[in-house]
Amino acid sequence: MDPQLPRDVLSVWIGRRAADTFVILRARWLPSAYKRWLEVAELTAPTISIGTLPFMFRLLT
């Protein structure tokens, strides 16, 4: 099934609820997960620079 189908077509499809939950949890966890990733990256690759990160991730720092 395609989770992009209109809600009225798949209104009771459990995958819709799962997709919604995934979006919510990802948004909740992204800032702290990315912060931790930066810490690990700085420890293992000291040449990393904020300027070389993708724009959307620079917004989180």
PDB file of N, CA and C in Angstrom:
ATOM      1  N   MET A   1       0.836  -1.186   0.000  1.00  0.00           N
ATOM      2  CA  MET A   1       0.000   0.000   0.000  1.00  0.00           C
ATOM      3  C   MET A   1       0.880   1.249   0.000  1.00  0.00           C
ATOM      4  N   ASP A   2       0.385   2.275  -0.575  1.00  0.00           N
ATOM      5  CA  ASP A   2       1.109   3.530  -0.694  1.00  0.00           C
ATOM      6  C   ASP A   2       0.657   4.491   0.410  1.00  0.00           C
ATOM      7  N   PRO A   3       1.535   4.833   1.374  1.00  0.00           N
ATOM      8  CA  PRO A   3       1.139   5.737   2.450  1.00  0.00           C
ATOM      9  C   PRO A   3       0.844   7.154   1.966  1.00  0.00           C
ATOM     10  N   GLN A   4       1.129   7.439   0.704  1.00  0.00           N
ATOM     11  CA  GLN A   4       0.855   8.768   0.167  1.00  0.00           C
ATOM     12  C   GLN A   4      -0.568   8.882  -0.405  1.00  0.00           C
ATOM     13  N   LEU A   5      -1.298   7.770  -0.419  1.00  0.00           N
ATOM     14  CA  LEU A   5      -2.679   7.830  -0.890  1.00  0.00           C
ATOM     15  C   LEU A   5      -3.511   8.707   0.038  1.00  0.00           C
ATOM     16  N   PRO A   6      -4.574   9.306  -0.460  1.00  0.00           N
ATOM     17  CA  PRO A   6      -5.422  10.163   0.384  1.00  0.00           C
ATOM     18  C   PRO A   6      -5.946   9.411   1.605  1.00  0.00           C
ATOM     19  N   ARG A   7      -6.090  10.122   2.708  1.00  0.00           N
ATOM     20  CA  ARG A   7      -6.538   9.501   3.965  1.00  0.00           C
ATOM     21  C   ARG A   7      -7.893   8.812   3.825  1.00  0.00           C
ATOM     22  N   ASP A   8      -8.809   9.354   3.031  1.00  0.00           N
ATOM     23  CA  ASP A   8     -10.128   8.732   2.917  1.00  0.00           C
ATOM     24  C   ASP A   8     -10.073   7.379   2.201  1.00  0.00           C
ATOM     25  N   VAL A   9      -9.030   7.150   1.427  1.00  0.00           N
ATOM     26  CA  VAL A   9      -8.885   5.859   0.748  1.00  0.00           C
ATOM     27  C   VAL A   9      -8.392   4.793   1.727  1.00  0.00           C
ATOM     28  N   LEU A  10      -7.474   5.176   2.601  1.00  0.00           N
ATOM     29  CA  LEU A  10      -6.884   4.235   3.560  1.00  0.00           C
ATOM     30  C   LEU A  10      -7.084   4.715   4.994  1.00  0.00           C
ATOM     31  N   SER A  11      -8.243   5.157   5.327  1.00  0.00           N
ATOM     32  CA  SER A  11      -8.471   5.792   6.628  1.00  0.00           C
ATOM     33  C   SER A  11      -8.158   4.886   7.815  1.00  0.00           C
ATOM     34  N   VAL A  12      -8.340   3.575   7.675  1.00  0.00           N
ATOM     35  CA  VAL A  12      -8.092   2.677   8.800  1.00  0.00           C
ATOM     36  C   VAL A  12      -6.833   1.834   8.614  1.00  0.00           C
ATOM     37  N   TRP A  13      -6.048   2.121   7.616  1.00  0.00           N
ATOM     38  CA  TRP A  13      -4.833   1.358   7.351  1.00  0.00           C
ATOM     39  C   TRP A  13      -3.815   1.618   8.453  1.00  0.00           C
ATOM     40  N   ILE A  14      -3.326   0.562   9.110  1.00  0.00           N
ATOM     41  CA  ILE A  14      -2.399   0.703  10.230  1.00  0.00           C
ATOM     42  C   ILE A  14      -1.077   1.344   9.792  1.00  0.00           C
ATOM     43  N   GLY A  15      -0.707   1.166   8.548  1.00  0.00           N
ATOM     44  CA  GLY A  15       0.524   1.777   8.047  1.00  0.00           C
ATOM     45  C   GLY A  15       0.485   3.297   8.096  1.00  0.00           C
ATOM     46  N   ARG A  16      -0.696   3.865   7.977  1.00  0.00           N
ATOM     47  CA  ARG A  16      -0.839   5.329   8.078  1.00  0.00           C
ATOM     48  C   ARG A  16      -0.443   5.783   9.485  1.00  0.00           C
ATOM     49  N   ARG A  17      -0.954   5.072  10.492  1.00  0.00           N
ATOM     50  CA  ARG A  17      -0.617   5.428  11.871  1.00  0.00           C
ATOM     51  C   ARG A  17       0.877   5.221  12.130  1.00  0.00           C
ATOM     52  N   ALA A  18       1.417   4.154  11.599  1.00  0.00           N
ATOM     53  CA  ALA A  18       2.852   3.887  11.763  1.00  0.00           C
ATOM     54  C   ALA A  18       3.682   4.986  11.110  1.00  0.00           C
ATOM     55  N   ALA A  19       3.295   5.413   9.914  1.00  0.00           N
ATOM     56  CA  ALA A  19       4.021   6.481   9.217  1.00  0.00           C
ATOM     57  C   ALA A  19       3.942   7.788  10.003  1.00  0.00           C
ATOM     58  N   ASP A  20       2.761   8.101  10.533  1.00  0.00           N
ATOM     59  CA  ASP A  20       2.602   9.317  11.338  1.00  0.00           C
ATOM     60  C   ASP A  20       3.476   9.261  12.590  1.00  0.00           C
ATOM     61  N   THR A  21       3.496   8.103  13.244  1.00  0.00           N
ATOM     62  CA  THR A  21       4.320   7.923  14.448  1.00  0.00           C
ATOM     63  C   THR A  21       5.798   8.085  14.114  1.00  0.00           C
ATOM     64  N   PHE A  22       6.220   7.519  12.999  1.00  0.00           N
ATOM     65  CA  PHE A  22       7.621   7.636  12.580  1.00  0.00           C
ATOM     66  C   PHE A  22       8.012   9.098  12.383  1.00  0.00           C
ATOM     67  N   VAL A  23       7.155   9.866  11.734  1.00  0.00           N
ATOM     68  CA  VAL A  23       7.448  11.284  11.495  1.00  0.00           C
ATOM     69  C   VAL A  23       7.575  12.028  12.829  1.00  0.00           C
ATOM     70  N   ILE A  24       6.670  11.765  13.747  1.00  0.00           N
ATOM     71  CA  ILE A  24       6.699  12.430  15.059  1.00  0.00           C
ATOM     72  C   ILE A  24       7.965  12.069  15.826  1.00  0.00           C
ATOM     73  N   LEU A  25       8.276  10.777  15.886  1.00  0.00           N
ATOM     74  CA  LEU A  25       9.463  10.347  16.636  1.00  0.00           C
ATOM     75  C   LEU A  25      10.750  10.843  16.003  1.00  0.00           C
ATOM     76  N   ARG A  26      10.815  10.824  14.691  1.00  0.00           N
ATOM     77  CA  ARG A  26      12.020  11.313  14.011  1.00  0.00           C
ATOM     78  C   ARG A  26      12.244  12.788  14.326  1.00  0.00           C
ATOM     79  N   ALA A  27      11.187  13.577  14.280  1.00  0.00           N
ATOM     80  CA  ALA A  27      11.307  15.003  14.581  1.00  0.00           C
ATOM     81  C   ALA A  27      11.733  15.213  16.034  1.00  0.00           C
ATOM     82  N   ARG A  28      11.232  14.385  16.927  1.00  0.00           N
ATOM     83  CA  ARG A  28      11.573  14.513  18.349  1.00  0.00           C
ATOM     84  C   ARG A  28      13.027  14.126  18.616  1.00  0.00           C
ATOM     85  N   TRP A  29      13.489  13.079  17.959  1.00  0.00           N
ATOM     86  CA  TRP A  29      14.825  12.539  18.232  1.00  0.00           C
ATOM     87  C   TRP A  29      15.929  13.174  17.409  1.00  0.00           C
ATOM     88  N   LEU A  30      15.610  13.798  16.280  1.00  0.00           N
ATOM     89  CA  LEU A  30      16.638  14.294  15.371  1.00  0.00           C
ATOM     90  C   LEU A  30      17.638  15.257  16.015  1.00  0.00           C
ATOM     91  N   PRO A  31      17.214  16.290  16.734  1.00  0.00           N
ATOM     92  CA  PRO A  31      18.209  17.225  17.270  1.00  0.00           C
ATOM     93  C   PRO A  31      19.234  16.561  18.196  1.00  0.00           C
ATOM     94  N   SER A  32      18.785  15.737  19.153  1.00  0.00           N
ATOM     95  CA  SER A  32      19.744  15.118  20.064  1.00  0.00           C
ATOM     96  C   SER A  32      20.572  14.040  19.362  1.00  0.00           C
ATOM     97  N   ALA A  33      19.969  13.305  18.436  1.00  0.00           N
ATOM     98  CA  ALA A  33      20.727  12.291  17.698  1.00  0.00           C
ATOM     99  C   ALA A  33      21.800  12.946  16.840  1.00  0.00           C
ATOM    100  N   TYR A  34      21.445  14.042  16.192  1.00  0.00           N
ATOM    101  CA  TYR A  34      22.426  14.714  15.349  1.00  0.00           C
ATOM    102  C   TYR A  34      23.525  15.362  16.187  1.00  0.00           C
ATOM    103  N   LYS A  35      23.157  15.888  17.342  1.00  0.00           N
ATOM    104  CA  LYS A  35      24.163  16.467  18.234  1.00  0.00           C
ATOM    105  C   LYS A  35      25.169  15.385  18.644  1.00  0.00           C
ATOM    106  N   ARG A  36      24.660  14.205  18.976  1.00  0.00           N
ATOM    107  CA  ARG A  36      25.544  13.108  19.352  1.00  0.00           C
ATOM    108  C   ARG A  36      26.408  12.668  18.173  1.00  0.00           C
ATOM    109  N   TRP A  37      25.819  12.633  16.965  1.00  0.00           N
ATOM    110  CA  TRP A  37      26.588  12.272  15.787  1.00  0.00           C
ATOM    111  C   TRP A  37      27.746  13.251  15.596  1.00  0.00           C
ATOM    112  N   LEU A  38      27.486  14.543  15.799  1.00  0.00           N
ATOM    113  CA  LEU A  38      28.553  15.531  15.670  1.00  0.00           C
ATOM    114  C   LEU A  38      29.658  15.289  16.689  1.00  0.00           C
ATOM    115  N   GLU A  39      29.292  14.956  17.925  1.00  0.00           N
ATOM    116  CA  GLU A  39      30.294  14.671  18.951  1.00  0.00           C
ATOM    117  C   GLU A  39      31.183  13.501  18.531  1.00  0.00           C
ATOM    118  N   VAL A  40      30.564  12.436  18.046  1.00  0.00           N
ATOM    119  CA  VAL A  40      31.324  11.264  17.608  1.00  0.00           C
ATOM    120  C   VAL A  40      32.182  11.617  16.393  1.00  0.00           C
ATOM    121  N   ALA A  41      31.630  12.362  15.460  1.00  0.00           N
ATOM    122  CA  ALA A  41      32.382  12.751  14.264  1.00  0.00           C
ATOM    123  C   ALA A  41      33.586  13.608  14.629  1.00  0.00           C
ATOM    124  N   GLU A  42      33.409  14.497  15.584  1.00  0.00           N
ATOM    125  CA  GLU A  42      34.540  15.339  15.994  1.00  0.00           C
ATOM    126  C   GLU A  42      35.634  14.519  16.660  1.00  0.00           C
ATOM    127  N   LEU A  43      35.246  13.482  17.391  1.00  0.00           N
ATOM    128  CA  LEU A  43      36.241  12.617  18.037  1.00  0.00           C
ATOM    129  C   LEU A  43      36.982  11.740  17.034  1.00  0.00           C
ATOM    130  N   THR A  44      36.287  11.320  15.997  1.00  0.00           N
ATOM    131  CA  THR A  44      36.902  10.374  15.066  1.00  0.00           C
ATOM    132  C   THR A  44      37.440  11.029  13.799  1.00  0.00           C
ATOM    133  N   ALA A  45      37.010  12.227  13.500  1.00  0.00           N
ATOM    134  CA  ALA A  45      37.459  12.931  12.300  1.00  0.00           C
ATOM    135  C   ALA A  45      37.641  14.408  12.644  1.00  0.00           C
ATOM    136  N   PRO A  46      38.756  14.760  13.281  1.00  0.00           N
ATOM    137  CA  PRO A  46      38.937  16.135  13.761  1.00  0.00           C
ATOM    138  C   PRO A  46      38.955  17.201  12.671  1.00  0.00           C
ATOM    139  N   THR A  47      38.955  16.810  11.404  1.00  0.00           N
ATOM    140  CA  THR A  47      38.953  17.812  10.342  1.00  0.00           C
ATOM    141  C   THR A  47      37.549  18.269   9.956  1.00  0.00           C
ATOM    142  N   ILE A  48      36.508  17.698  10.582  1.00  0.00           N
ATOM    143  CA  ILE A  48      35.137  18.094  10.230  1.00  0.00           C
ATOM    144  C   ILE A  48      34.914  19.558  10.603  1.00  0.00           C
ATOM    145  N   SER A  49      34.208  20.223   9.757  1.00  0.00           N
ATOM    146  CA  SER A  49      33.920  21.635   9.967  1.00  0.00           C
ATOM    147  C   SER A  49      32.437  21.862   9.748  1.00  0.00           C
ATOM    148  N   ILE A  50      31.840  22.706  10.574  1.00  0.00           N
ATOM    149  CA  ILE A  50      30.415  22.999  10.448  1.00  0.00           C
ATOM    150  C   ILE A  50      30.109  23.509   9.040  1.00  0.00           C
ATOM    151  N   GLY A  51      30.994  24.239   8.435  1.00  0.00           N
ATOM    152  CA  GLY A  51      30.762  24.783   7.103  1.00  0.00           C
ATOM    153  C   GLY A  51      30.636  23.731   6.014  1.00  0.00           C
ATOM    154  N   THR A  52      31.126  22.521   6.273  1.00  0.00           N
ATOM    155  CA  THR A  52      31.035  21.477   5.259  1.00  0.00           C
ATOM    156  C   THR A  52      29.781  20.619   5.416  1.00  0.00           C
ATOM    157  N   LEU A  53      28.995  20.873   6.444  1.00  0.00           N
ATOM    158  CA  LEU A  53      27.783  20.093   6.664  1.00  0.00           C
ATOM    159  C   LEU A  53      26.659  20.582   5.769  1.00  0.00           C
ATOM    160  N   PRO A  54      25.724  19.698   5.433  1.00  0.00           N
ATOM    161  CA  PRO A  54      24.552  20.136   4.668  1.00  0.00           C
ATOM    162  C   PRO A  54      23.816  21.249   5.418  1.00  0.00           C
ATOM    163  N   PHE A  55      23.217  22.147   4.687  1.00  0.00           N
ATOM    164  CA  PHE A  55      22.579  23.325   5.275  1.00  0.00           C
ATOM    165  C   PHE A  55      21.597  22.984   6.379  1.00  0.00           C
ATOM    166  N   MET A  56      20.713  21.986   6.168  1.00  0.00           N
ATOM    167  CA  MET A  56      19.691  21.691   7.168  1.00  0.00           C
ATOM    168  C   MET A  56      20.303  21.268   8.498  1.00  0.00           C
ATOM    169  N   PHE A  57      21.478  20.645   8.473  1.00  0.00           N
ATOM    170  CA  PHE A  57      22.114  20.223   9.721  1.00  0.00           C
ATOM    171  C   PHE A  57      22.826  21.397  10.402  1.00  0.00           C
ATOM    172  N   ARG A  58      23.241  22.388   9.639  1.00  0.00           N
ATOM    173  CA  ARG A  58      23.847  23.566  10.258  1.00  0.00           C
ATOM    174  C   ARG A  58      22.823  24.301  11.109  1.00  0.00           C
ATOM    175  N   LEU A  59      21.554  24.190  10.755  1.00  0.00           N
ATOM    176  CA  LEU A  59      20.505  24.854  11.522  1.00  0.00           C
ATOM    177  C   LEU A  59      20.362  24.252  12.917  1.00  0.00           C
ATOM    178  N   LEU A  60      20.765  22.989  13.070  1.00  0.00           N
ATOM    179  CA  LEU A  60      20.632  22.306  14.352  1.00  0.00           C
ATOM    180  C   LEU A  60      21.785  22.593  15.307  1.00  0.00           C
ATOM    181  N   THR A  61      22.865  23.163  14.798  1.00  0.00           N
ATOM    182  CA  THR A  61      24.044  23.370  15.657  1.00  0.00           C
ATOM    183  C   THR A  61      23.992  24.725  16.330  1.00  0.00           C
TER     184      THR A  61
END
